């Protein structure tokens, strides 16, 4: 929806995209995948959310408080878990996982 807004300049698409992102940020408060797969999940699914936020960041009707909450959600939920694995290897020694996992 956000991309369609950028291409077609259709504000209804941007409004719907912002609503979807706001709803996700308000509803999804924790990742409940099994302990190691949560890091993969955060990379695969957090990245598109972040891209959508970047695409819509200049949509003037996205309330600043909602955008701030969305950014906090990206940092606190997705980014934190994305950085946990490469920094700490889930508490395992560096040789426990294949290097391509990082």
Protein backbone atom coordinates (compact mmCIF):
# COMPACT_ATOMS: atom_id res chain seq x y z
CA UNK A 1 0.00 0.00 0.00
CA UNK A 2 2.82 2.39 0.82
CA UNK A 3 4.54 1.70 -2.49
CA UNK A 4 1.27 2.25 -4.33
CA UNK A 5 0.99 5.60 -2.55
CA UNK A 6 4.48 6.56 -3.73
CA UNK A 7 3.82 5.50 -7.32
CA UNK A 8 0.21 6.61 -7.78
CA UNK A 9 0.09 9.40 -5.19
CA UNK A 10 -3.03 7.80 -3.73
CA UNK A 11 -3.38 9.10 -0.18
CA UNK A 12 -5.97 6.42 0.66
CA UNK A 13 -3.27 3.79 0.15
CA UNK A 14 -0.89 5.62 2.48
CA UNK A 15 -3.60 6.00 5.10
CA UNK A 16 -4.35 2.27 4.95
CA UNK A 17 -0.66 1.37 5.12
CA UNK A 18 -0.16 3.60 8.17
CA UNK A 19 -3.22 2.05 9.82
CA UNK A 20 -1.76 -1.43 9.25
CA UNK A 21 1.64 -0.44 10.66
CA UNK A 22 0.08 1.29 13.67
CA UNK A 23 -2.07 -1.78 14.37
CA UNK A 24 0.95 -4.09 14.18
CA UNK A 25 2.99 -1.86 16.48
CA UNK A 26 0.18 -1.67 19.00
CA UNK A 27 -0.69 -5.40 18.91
CA UNK A 28 2.58 -7.31 18.43
CA UNK A 29 4.45 -6.88 21.68
CA UNK A 30 6.62 -9.99 21.79
CA UNK A 31 8.04 -12.71 19.58
CA UNK A 32 6.97 -16.18 20.69
CA UNK A 33 8.82 -18.40 18.20
CA UNK A 34 11.02 -21.08 19.71
CA UNK A 35 14.14 -19.63 21.24
CA UNK A 36 16.56 -19.83 18.29
CA UNK A 37 14.09 -19.32 15.45
CA UNK A 38 12.97 -16.02 16.93
CA UNK A 39 16.19 -14.48 15.63
CA UNK A 40 15.52 -15.71 12.09
CA UNK A 41 11.91 -14.57 12.33
CA UNK A 42 12.99 -11.09 13.40
CA UNK A 43 15.28 -10.78 10.42
CA UNK A 44 12.78 -12.07 7.89
CA UNK A 45 9.76 -10.18 9.18
CA UNK A 46 11.20 -7.17 10.94
CA UNK A 47 13.03 -5.98 7.83
CA UNK A 48 9.86 -5.51 5.71
CA UNK A 49 8.18 -3.63 8.56
CA UNK A 50 11.19 -1.31 8.78
CA UNK A 51 11.17 -0.79 5.01
CA UNK A 52 7.47 0.05 5.07
CA UNK A 53 8.13 2.60 7.81
CA UNK A 54 10.92 4.20 5.81
CA UNK A 55 8.70 4.35 2.73
CA UNK A 56 5.93 6.08 4.65
CA UNK A 57 7.99 8.31 6.93
CA UNK A 58 7.24 11.39 4.83
CA UNK A 59 3.49 10.77 4.72
CA UNK A 60 2.31 13.96 6.40
CA UNK A 61 -0.86 12.47 7.88
CA UNK A 62 1.03 9.86 9.93
CA UNK A 63 0.62 11.33 13.40
CA UNK A 64 3.99 12.07 14.97
CA UNK A 65 3.07 10.18 18.14
CA UNK A 66 2.10 7.11 16.10
CA UNK A 67 5.28 7.32 14.03
CA UNK A 68 7.34 7.61 17.23
CA UNK A 69 5.55 4.55 18.65
CA UNK A 70 6.24 2.65 15.42
CA UNK A 71 9.96 3.55 15.54
CA UNK A 72 10.13 2.46 19.19
CA UNK A 73 8.45 -0.83 18.23
CA UNK A 74 11.01 -1.43 15.47
CA UNK A 75 13.92 -0.74 17.83
CA UNK A 76 12.60 -2.49 20.94
CA UNK A 77 11.14 -5.60 19.34
CA UNK A 78 12.75 -6.24 15.96
CA UNK A 79 16.16 -4.58 16.12
CA UNK A 80 16.91 -5.86 19.61
CA UNK A 81 16.35 -9.45 18.51
CA UNK A 82 18.16 -8.89 15.20
CA UNK A 83 21.28 -7.81 17.08
CA UNK A 84 21.06 -10.43 19.82
CA UNK A 85 22.11 -13.33 17.64
CA UNK A 86 25.20 -11.88 15.93
CA UNK A 87 26.37 -10.25 19.16
CA UNK A 88 25.77 -13.14 21.58
CA UNK A 89 25.16 -16.28 19.47
CA UNK A 90 22.34 -17.23 21.81
CA UNK A 91 24.92 -17.85 24.53
CA UNK A 92 26.81 -20.44 22.48
CA UNK A 93 30.46 -20.35 21.49
CA UNK A 94 31.26 -18.62 18.20
CA UNK A 95 31.83 -21.94 16.42
CA UNK A 96 28.44 -23.41 17.37
CA UNK A 97 26.57 -21.85 14.41
CA UNK A 98 27.48 -21.62 10.75
CA UNK A 99 28.97 -18.28 9.81
CA UNK A 100 26.34 -17.66 7.12
CA UNK A 101 23.69 -17.31 9.85
CA UNK A 102 25.04 -13.85 10.56
